[in-house]
Amino acid sequence: MRNHPLGIYEKALAKDLSWPERLVLAKSCGFDFVEMSVDETDERLSRLDWSTAQRTSLVARDDRNGCWDPSMCLSAHRRFPFGSP
């Protein structure tokens, strides 16, 4: 039995999976959480503009699946360096 949570990076899973599918798959593989990616792609950058309802929906999915997403990897700075206008 582990004493610490074990997660998987979102990009290690198939890109075409929905968030509920990612969470279920991760849990079924023995992971406790999925780390969200916010990279330089428009699709993932748009997550920074999610509405309260969209964020709440993801949290509710976490509760139902028993798998959560407590962290994110922000690598968008490759496209938008820190301090750029």
PDB file of N, CA and C in Angstrom:
ATOM      1  N   MET A   1       0.837  -1.177   0.000  1.00  0.00           N
ATOM      2  CA  MET A   1       0.000   0.000   0.000  1.00  0.00           C
ATOM      3  C   MET A   1       0.884   1.244   0.000  1.00  0.00           C
ATOM      4  N   ARG A   2       0.597   2.181  -0.899  1.00  0.00           N
ATOM      5  CA  ARG A   2       1.364   3.428  -0.988  1.00  0.00           C
ATOM      6  C   ARG A   2       0.935   4.412   0.089  1.00  0.00           C
ATOM      7  N   ASN A   3       1.873   5.200   0.551  1.00  0.00           N
ATOM      8  CA  ASN A   3       1.574   6.259   1.504  1.00  0.00           C
ATOM      9  C   ASN A   3       1.547   7.625   0.838  1.00  0.00           C
ATOM     10  N   HIS A   4       1.752   7.652  -0.470  1.00  0.00           N
ATOM     11  CA  HIS A   4       1.752   8.914  -1.200  1.00  0.00           C
ATOM     12  C   HIS A   4       0.986   8.733  -2.508  1.00  0.00           C
ATOM     13  N   PRO A   5       0.348   9.789  -2.994  1.00  0.00           N
ATOM     14  CA  PRO A   5      -0.404   9.678  -4.243  1.00  0.00           C
ATOM     15  C   PRO A   5       0.535   9.544  -5.441  1.00  0.00           C
ATOM     16  N   LEU A   6       0.081   8.813  -6.418  1.00  0.00           N
ATOM     17  CA  LEU A   6       0.843   8.585  -7.639  1.00  0.00           C
ATOM     18  C   LEU A   6       0.014   9.086  -8.812  1.00  0.00           C
ATOM     19  N   GLY A   7       0.597   9.938  -9.640  1.00  0.00           N
ATOM     20  CA  GLY A   7      -0.147  10.509 -10.756  1.00  0.00           C
ATOM     21  C   GLY A   7       0.469  10.195 -12.095  1.00  0.00           C
ATOM     22  N   ILE A   8      -0.260  10.573 -13.128  1.00  0.00           N
ATOM     23  CA  ILE A   8       0.195  10.411 -14.503  1.00  0.00           C
ATOM     24  C   ILE A   8      -0.020  11.737 -15.228  1.00  0.00           C
ATOM     25  N   TYR A   9       0.909  12.086 -16.080  1.00  0.00           N
ATOM     26  CA  TYR A   9       0.841  13.320 -16.852  1.00  0.00           C
ATOM     27  C   TYR A   9      -0.187  13.144 -17.965  1.00  0.00           C
ATOM     28  N   GLU A  10      -1.004  14.154 -18.162  1.00  0.00           N
ATOM     29  CA  GLU A  10      -2.060  14.098 -19.180  1.00  0.00           C
ATOM     30  C   GLU A  10      -1.532  13.667 -20.544  1.00  0.00           C
ATOM     31  N   LYS A  11      -0.365  14.160 -20.935  1.00  0.00           N
ATOM     32  CA  LYS A  11       0.173  13.850 -22.262  1.00  0.00           C
ATOM     33  C   LYS A  11       0.632  12.400 -22.399  1.00  0.00           C
ATOM     34  N   ALA A  12       0.659  11.657 -21.306  1.00  0.00           N
ATOM     35  CA  ALA A  12       0.992  10.234 -21.370  1.00  0.00           C
ATOM     36  C   ALA A  12      -0.222   9.408 -21.773  1.00  0.00           C
ATOM     37  N   LEU A  13      -1.390  10.057 -21.826  1.00  0.00           N
ATOM     38  CA  LEU A  13      -2.637   9.389 -22.209  1.00  0.00           C
ATOM     39  C   LEU A  13      -3.036   9.826 -23.611  1.00  0.00           C
ATOM     40  N   ALA A  14      -3.902   9.061 -24.251  1.00  0.00           N
ATOM     41  CA  ALA A  14      -4.352   9.388 -25.604  1.00  0.00           C
ATOM     42  C   ALA A  14      -5.000  10.769 -25.634  1.00  0.00           C
ATOM     43  N   LYS A  15      -4.653  11.560 -26.645  1.00  0.00           N
ATOM     44  CA  LYS A  15      -5.142  12.937 -26.742  1.00  0.00           C
ATOM     45  C   LYS A  15      -6.642  13.017 -26.978  1.00  0.00           C
ATOM     46  N   ASP A  16      -7.212  12.009 -27.614  1.00  0.00           N
ATOM     47  CA  ASP A  16      -8.634  12.073 -27.972  1.00  0.00           C
ATOM     48  C   ASP A  16      -9.574  11.689 -26.827  1.00  0.00           C
ATOM     49  N   LEU A  17      -9.051  11.400 -25.653  1.00  0.00           N
ATOM     50  CA  LEU A  17      -9.898  11.055 -24.507  1.00  0.00           C
ATOM     51  C   LEU A  17     -10.501  12.317 -23.893  1.00  0.00           C
ATOM     52  N   SER A  18     -11.733  12.211 -23.434  1.00  0.00           N
ATOM     53  CA  SER A  18     -12.353  13.310 -22.693  1.00  0.00           C
ATOM     54  C   SER A  18     -11.786  13.304 -21.278  1.00  0.00           C
ATOM     55  N   TRP A  19     -12.044  14.373 -20.525  1.00  0.00           N
ATOM     56  CA  TRP A  19     -11.557  14.387 -19.142  1.00  0.00           C
ATOM     57  C   TRP A  19     -12.146  13.260 -18.306  1.00  0.00           C
ATOM     58  N   PRO A  20     -13.445  12.994 -18.400  1.00  0.00           N
ATOM     59  CA  PRO A  20     -13.962  11.853 -17.628  1.00  0.00           C
ATOM     60  C   PRO A  20     -13.272  10.541 -18.007  1.00  0.00           C
ATOM     61  N   GLU A  21     -13.023  10.342 -19.304  1.00  0.00           N
ATOM     62  CA  GLU A  21     -12.351   9.118 -19.747  1.00  0.00           C
ATOM     63  C   GLU A  21     -10.912   9.054 -19.228  1.00  0.00           C
ATOM     64  N   ARG A  22     -10.211  10.180 -19.249  1.00  0.00           N
ATOM     65  CA  ARG A  22      -8.838  10.213 -18.719  1.00  0.00           C
ATOM     66  C   ARG A  22      -8.811   9.820 -17.245  1.00  0.00           C
ATOM     67  N   LEU A  23      -9.735  10.396 -16.483  1.00  0.00           N
ATOM     68  CA  LEU A  23      -9.757  10.132 -15.043  1.00  0.00           C
ATOM     69  C   LEU A  23     -10.086   8.674 -14.744  1.00  0.00           C
ATOM     70  N   VAL A  24     -11.047   8.119 -15.463  1.00  0.00           N
ATOM     71  CA  VAL A  24     -11.421   6.712 -15.264  1.00  0.00           C
ATOM     72  C   VAL A  24     -10.253   5.802 -15.655  1.00  0.00           C
ATOM     73  N   LEU A  25      -9.625   6.088 -16.788  1.00  0.00           N
ATOM     74  CA  LEU A  25      -8.491   5.273 -17.233  1.00  0.00           C
ATOM     75  C   LEU A  25      -7.343   5.340 -16.225  1.00  0.00           C
ATOM     76  N   ALA A  26      -7.021   6.540 -15.784  1.00  0.00           N
ATOM     77  CA  ALA A  26      -5.932   6.690 -14.814  1.00  0.00           C
ATOM     78  C   ALA A  26      -6.226   5.908 -13.537  1.00  0.00           C
ATOM     79  N   LYS A  27      -7.444   6.021 -13.042  1.00  0.00           N
ATOM     80  CA  LYS A  27      -7.823   5.310 -11.815  1.00  0.00           C
ATOM     81  C   LYS A  27      -7.744   3.797 -12.028  1.00  0.00           C
ATOM     82  N   SER A  28      -8.216   3.325 -13.191  1.00  0.00           N
ATOM     83  CA  SER A  28      -8.205   1.882 -13.459  1.00  0.00           C
ATOM     84  C   SER A  28      -6.778   1.337 -13.605  1.00  0.00           C
ATOM     85  N   CYS A  29      -5.827   2.211 -13.920  1.00  0.00           N
ATOM     86  CA  CYS A  29      -4.419   1.812 -14.029  1.00  0.00           C
ATOM     87  C   CYS A  29      -3.669   1.979 -12.709  1.00  0.00           C
ATOM     88  N   GLY A  30      -4.386   2.389 -11.664  1.00  0.00           N
ATOM     89  CA  GLY A  30      -3.770   2.494 -10.352  1.00  0.00           C
ATOM     90  C   GLY A  30      -3.250   3.874  -9.977  1.00  0.00           C
ATOM     91  N   PHE A  31      -3.528   4.883 -10.808  1.00  0.00           N
ATOM     92  CA  PHE A  31      -3.083   6.242 -10.499  1.00  0.00           C
ATOM     93  C   PHE A  31      -4.128   6.960  -9.659  1.00  0.00           C
ATOM     94  N   ASP A  32      -3.663   7.914  -8.877  1.00  0.00           N
ATOM     95  CA  ASP A  32      -4.548   8.685  -8.011  1.00  0.00           C
ATOM     96  C   ASP A  32      -4.952  10.016  -8.627  1.00  0.00           C
ATOM     97  N   PHE A  33      -4.135  10.520  -9.545  1.00  0.00           N
ATOM     98  CA  PHE A  33      -4.460  11.803 -10.158  1.00  0.00           C
ATOM     99  C   PHE A  33      -3.876  11.911 -11.556  1.00  0.00           C
ATOM    100  N   VAL A  34      -4.379  12.893 -12.306  1.00  0.00           N
ATOM    101  CA  VAL A  34      -3.884  13.227 -13.637  1.00  0.00           C
ATOM    102  C   VAL A  34      -3.394  14.671 -13.577  1.00  0.00           C
ATOM    103  N   GLU A  35      -2.153  14.901 -13.988  1.00  0.00           N
ATOM    104  CA  GLU A  35      -1.638  16.269 -14.029  1.00  0.00           C
ATOM    105  C   GLU A  35      -2.013  16.905 -15.361  1.00  0.00           C
ATOM    106  N   MET A  36      -2.724  18.019 -15.283  1.00  0.00           N
ATOM    107  CA  MET A  36      -3.187  18.731 -16.471  1.00  0.00           C
ATOM    108  C   MET A  36      -2.027  19.475 -17.132  1.00  0.00           C
ATOM    109  N   SER A  37      -2.064  19.540 -18.459  1.00  0.00           N
ATOM    110  CA  SER A  37      -1.057  20.270 -19.222  1.00  0.00           C
ATOM    111  C   SER A  37      -1.655  21.558 -19.776  1.00  0.00           C
ATOM    112  N   VAL A  38      -0.950  22.654 -19.583  1.00  0.00           N
ATOM    113  CA  VAL A  38      -1.279  23.912 -20.258  1.00  0.00           C
ATOM    114  C   VAL A  38      -0.013  24.289 -21.019  1.00  0.00           C
ATOM    115  N   ASP A  39       0.028  23.854 -22.284  1.00  0.00           N
ATOM    116  CA  ASP A  39       1.217  24.091 -23.097  1.00  0.00           C
ATOM    117  C   ASP A  39       0.953  25.206 -24.107  1.00  0.00           C
ATOM    118  N   GLU A  40       1.801  25.306 -25.119  1.00  0.00           N
ATOM    119  CA  GLU A  40       1.695  26.403 -26.076  1.00  0.00           C
ATOM    120  C   GLU A  40       0.617  26.216 -27.140  1.00  0.00           C
ATOM    121  N   THR A  41      -0.070  25.086 -27.163  1.00  0.00           N
ATOM    122  CA  THR A  41      -1.130  24.887 -28.151  1.00  0.00           C
ATOM    123  C   THR A  41      -2.365  25.704 -27.770  1.00  0.00           C
ATOM    124  N   ASP A  42      -3.080  26.178 -28.795  1.00  0.00           N
ATOM    125  CA  ASP A  42      -4.281  26.978 -28.546  1.00  0.00           C
ATOM    126  C   ASP A  42      -5.308  26.206 -27.727  1.00  0.00           C
ATOM    127  N   GLU A  43      -5.444  24.917 -28.027  1.00  0.00           N
ATOM    128  CA  GLU A  43      -6.417  24.080 -27.307  1.00  0.00           C
ATOM    129  C   GLU A  43      -6.138  24.075 -25.801  1.00  0.00           C
ATOM    130  N   ARG A  44      -4.904  23.869 -25.442  1.00  0.00           N
ATOM    131  CA  ARG A  44      -4.583  23.778 -24.010  1.00  0.00           C
ATOM    132  C   ARG A  44      -4.446  25.158 -23.365  1.00  0.00           C
ATOM    133  N   LEU A  45      -4.029  26.160 -24.130  1.00  0.00           N
ATOM    134  CA  LEU A  45      -3.988  27.522 -23.597  1.00  0.00           C
ATOM    135  C   LEU A  45      -5.383  28.016 -23.234  1.00  0.00           C
ATOM    136  N   SER A  46      -6.378  27.566 -23.991  1.00  0.00           N
ATOM    137  CA  SER A  46      -7.749  28.023 -23.736  1.00  0.00           C
ATOM    138  C   SER A  46      -8.237  27.611 -22.349  1.00  0.00           C
ATOM    139  N   ARG A  47      -7.597  26.647 -21.735  1.00  0.00           N
ATOM    140  CA  ARG A  47      -7.984  26.223 -20.381  1.00  0.00           C
ATOM    141  C   ARG A  47      -7.797  27.349 -19.365  1.00  0.00           C
ATOM    142  N   LEU A  48      -6.892  28.266 -19.666  1.00  0.00           N
ATOM    143  CA  LEU A  48      -6.690  29.404 -18.766  1.00  0.00           C
ATOM    144  C   LEU A  48      -7.907  30.328 -18.750  1.00  0.00           C
ATOM    145  N   ASP A  49      -8.752  30.219 -19.764  1.00  0.00           N
ATOM    146  CA  ASP A  49      -9.953  31.050 -19.866  1.00  0.00           C
ATOM    147  C   ASP A  49     -11.229  30.286 -19.541  1.00  0.00           C
ATOM    148  N   TRP A  50     -11.115  29.090 -18.980  1.00  0.00           N
ATOM    149  CA  TRP A  50     -12.310  28.323 -18.624  1.00  0.00           C
ATOM    150  C   TRP A  50     -13.181  29.127 -17.668  1.00  0.00           C
ATOM    151  N   SER A  51     -14.460  28.974 -17.842  1.00  0.00           N
ATOM    152  CA  SER A  51     -15.418  29.631 -16.949  1.00  0.00           C
ATOM    153  C   SER A  51     -15.446  28.903 -15.603  1.00  0.00           C
ATOM    154  N   THR A  52     -16.086  29.534 -14.650  1.00  0.00           N
ATOM    155  CA  THR A  52     -16.257  28.897 -13.341  1.00  0.00           C
ATOM    156  C   THR A  52     -17.012  27.585 -13.493  1.00  0.00           C
ATOM    157  N   ALA A  53     -18.017  27.567 -14.369  1.00  0.00           N
ATOM    158  CA  ALA A  53     -18.807  26.349 -14.590  1.00  0.00           C
ATOM    159  C   ALA A  53     -17.941  25.226 -15.155  1.00  0.00           C
ATOM    160  N   GLN A  54     -17.050  25.544 -16.089  1.00  0.00           N
ATOM    161  CA  GLN A  54     -16.175  24.517 -16.662  1.00  0.00           C
ATOM    162  C   GLN A  54     -15.217  23.960 -15.604  1.00  0.00           C
ATOM    163  N   ARG A  55     -14.657  24.832 -14.798  1.00  0.00           N
ATOM    164  CA  ARG A  55     -13.743  24.370 -13.745  1.00  0.00           C
ATOM    165  C   ARG A  55     -14.485  23.540 -12.700  1.00  0.00           C
ATOM    166  N   THR A  56     -15.684  23.995 -12.337  1.00  0.00           N
ATOM    167  CA  THR A  56     -16.496  23.265 -11.356  1.00  0.00           C
ATOM    168  C   THR A  56     -16.876  21.890 -11.888  1.00  0.00           C
ATOM    169  N   SER A  57     -17.174  21.817 -13.177  1.00  0.00           N
ATOM    170  CA  SER A  57     -17.530  20.542 -13.799  1.00  0.00           C
ATOM    171  C   SER A  57     -16.374  19.544 -13.705  1.00  0.00           C
ATOM    172  N   LEU A  58     -15.157  20.013 -13.923  1.00  0.00           N
ATOM    173  CA  LEU A  58     -13.998  19.123 -13.824  1.00  0.00           C
ATOM    174  C   LEU A  58     -13.810  18.636 -12.390  1.00  0.00           C
ATOM    175  N   VAL A  59     -13.964  19.517 -11.436  1.00  0.00           N
ATOM    176  CA  VAL A  59     -13.832  19.130 -10.027  1.00  0.00           C
ATOM    177  C   VAL A  59     -14.901  18.110  -9.647  1.00  0.00           C
ATOM    178  N   ALA A  60     -16.127  18.294 -10.144  1.00  0.00           N
ATOM    179  CA  ALA A  60     -17.209  17.341  -9.855  1.00  0.00           C
ATOM    180  C   ALA A  60     -16.883  15.969 -10.438  1.00  0.00           C
ATOM    181  N   ARG A  61     -16.282  15.948 -11.619  1.00  0.00           N
ATOM    182  CA  ARG A  61     -15.873  14.670 -12.224  1.00  0.00           C
ATOM    183  C   ARG A  61     -14.830  13.992 -11.351  1.00  0.00           C
ATOM    184  N   ASP A  62     -13.924  14.792 -10.806  1.00  0.00           N
ATOM    185  CA  ASP A  62     -12.899  14.240  -9.914  1.00  0.00           C
ATOM    186  C   ASP A  62     -13.555  13.497  -8.761  1.00  0.00           C
ATOM    187  N   ASP A  63     -14.553  14.124  -8.153  1.00  0.00           N
ATOM    188  CA  ASP A  63     -15.235  13.525  -7.002  1.00  0.00           C
ATOM    189  C   ASP A  63     -15.928  12.221  -7.374  1.00  0.00           C
ATOM    190  N   ARG A  64     -16.538  12.171  -8.550  1.00  0.00           N
ATOM    191  CA  ARG A  64     -17.270  10.964  -8.968  1.00  0.00           C
ATOM    192  C   ARG A  64     -16.330   9.810  -9.295  1.00  0.00           C
ATOM    193  N   ASN A  65     -15.176  10.117  -9.862  1.00  0.00           N
ATOM    194  CA  ASN A  65     -14.261   9.071 -10.319  1.00  0.00           C
ATOM    195  C   ASN A  65     -13.255   8.624  -9.267  1.00  0.00           C
ATOM    196  N   GLY A  66     -13.093   9.406  -8.216  1.00  0.00           N
ATOM    197  CA  GLY A  66     -12.095   9.061  -7.212  1.00  0.00           C
ATOM    198  C   GLY A  66     -10.678   9.329  -7.673  1.00  0.00           C
ATOM    199  N   CYS A  67     -10.548  10.021  -8.780  1.00  0.00           N
ATOM    200  CA  CYS A  67      -9.251  10.406  -9.326  1.00  0.00           C
ATOM    201  C   CYS A  67      -9.325  11.913  -9.536  1.00  0.00           C
ATOM    202  N   TRP A  68      -8.277  12.631  -9.192  1.00  0.00           N
ATOM    203  CA  TRP A  68      -8.375  14.078  -9.274  1.00  0.00           C
ATOM    204  C   TRP A  68      -7.209  14.672 -10.053  1.00  0.00           C
ATOM    205  N   ASP A  69      -7.225  15.981 -10.218  1.00  0.00           N
ATOM    206  CA  ASP A  69      -6.165  16.686 -10.944  1.00  0.00           C
ATOM    207  C   ASP A  69      -5.669  17.865 -10.101  1.00  0.00           C
ATOM    208  N   PRO A  70      -4.808  17.584  -9.124  1.00  0.00           N
ATOM    209  CA  PRO A  70      -4.390  18.617  -8.177  1.00  0.00           C
ATOM    210  C   PRO A  70      -3.318  19.573  -8.693  1.00  0.00           C
ATOM    211  N   SER A  71      -2.770  19.281  -9.860  1.00  0.00           N
ATOM    212  CA  SER A  71      -1.683  20.133 -10.342  1.00  0.00           C
ATOM    213  C   SER A  71      -1.756  20.288 -11.848  1.00  0.00           C
ATOM    214  N   MET A  72      -1.024  21.275 -12.334  1.00  0.00           N
ATOM    215  CA  MET A  72      -0.919  21.443 -13.777  1.00  0.00           C
ATOM    216  C   MET A  72       0.515  21.780 -14.134  1.00  0.00           C
ATOM    217  N   CYS A  73       0.881  21.385 -15.331  1.00  0.00           N
ATOM    218  CA  CYS A  73       2.194  21.710 -15.863  1.00  0.00           C
ATOM    219  C   CYS A  73       2.000  22.864 -16.838  1.00  0.00           C
ATOM    220  N   LEU A  74       2.532  24.019 -16.512  1.00  0.00           N
ATOM    221  CA  LEU A  74       2.415  25.200 -17.364  1.00  0.00           C
ATOM    222  C   LEU A  74       3.690  25.334 -18.188  1.00  0.00           C
ATOM    223  N   SER A  75       3.582  24.968 -19.462  1.00  0.00           N
ATOM    224  CA  SER A  75       4.742  25.088 -20.345  1.00  0.00           C
ATOM    225  C   SER A  75       4.451  26.028 -21.510  1.00  0.00           C
ATOM    226  N   ALA A  76       3.411  26.852 -21.379  1.00  0.00           N
ATOM    227  CA  ALA A  76       3.046  27.815 -22.417  1.00  0.00           C
ATOM    228  C   ALA A  76       4.123  28.878 -22.593  1.00  0.00           C
ATOM    229  N   HIS A  77       5.018  29.000 -21.624  1.00  0.00           N
ATOM    230  CA  HIS A  77       6.074  30.006 -21.711  1.00  0.00           C
ATOM    231  C   HIS A  77       7.035  29.755 -22.874  1.00  0.00           C
ATOM    232  N   ARG A  78       6.959  28.576 -23.471  1.00  0.00           N
ATOM    233  CA  ARG A  78       7.790  28.331 -24.655  1.00  0.00           C
ATOM    234  C   ARG A  78       7.307  29.192 -25.816  1.00  0.00           C
ATOM    235  N   ARG A  79       6.008  29.457 -25.864  1.00  0.00           N
ATOM    236  CA  ARG A  79       5.424  30.311 -26.905  1.00  0.00           C
ATOM    237  C   ARG A  79       5.358  31.762 -26.440  1.00  0.00           C
ATOM    238  N   PHE A  80       5.103  31.959 -25.163  1.00  0.00           N
ATOM    239  CA  PHE A  80       4.971  33.291 -24.577  1.00  0.00           C
ATOM    240  C   PHE A  80       5.956  33.404 -23.412  1.00  0.00           C
ATOM    241  N   PRO A  81       7.190  33.807 -23.686  1.00  0.00           N
ATOM    242  CA  PRO A  81       8.187  33.882 -22.611  1.00  0.00           C
ATOM    243  C   PRO A  81       7.734  34.810 -21.485  1.00  0.00           C
ATOM    244  N   PHE A  82       8.159  34.501 -20.281  1.00  0.00           N
ATOM    245  CA  PHE A  82       7.831  35.343 -19.137  1.00  0.00           C
ATOM    246  C   PHE A  82       8.286  36.772 -19.413  1.00  0.00           C
ATOM    247  N   GLY A  83       7.419  37.730 -19.134  1.00  0.00           N
ATOM    248  CA  GLY A  83       7.727  39.135 -19.356  1.00  0.00           C
ATOM    249  C   GLY A  83       7.385  39.630 -20.745  1.00  0.00           C
ATOM    250  N   SER A  84       6.880  38.753 -21.636  1.00  0.00           N
ATOM    251  CA  SER A  84       6.509  39.212 -22.977  1.00  0.00           C
ATOM    252  C   SER A  84       5.182  39.962 -22.905  1.00  0.00           C
ATOM    253  N   PRO A  85       5.001  40.962 -23.782  1.00  0.00           N
ATOM    254  CA  PRO A  85       3.752  41.745 -23.735  1.00  0.00           C
ATOM    255  C   PRO A  85       2.541  40.964 -24.184  1.00  0.00           C
TER     256      PRO A  85
END
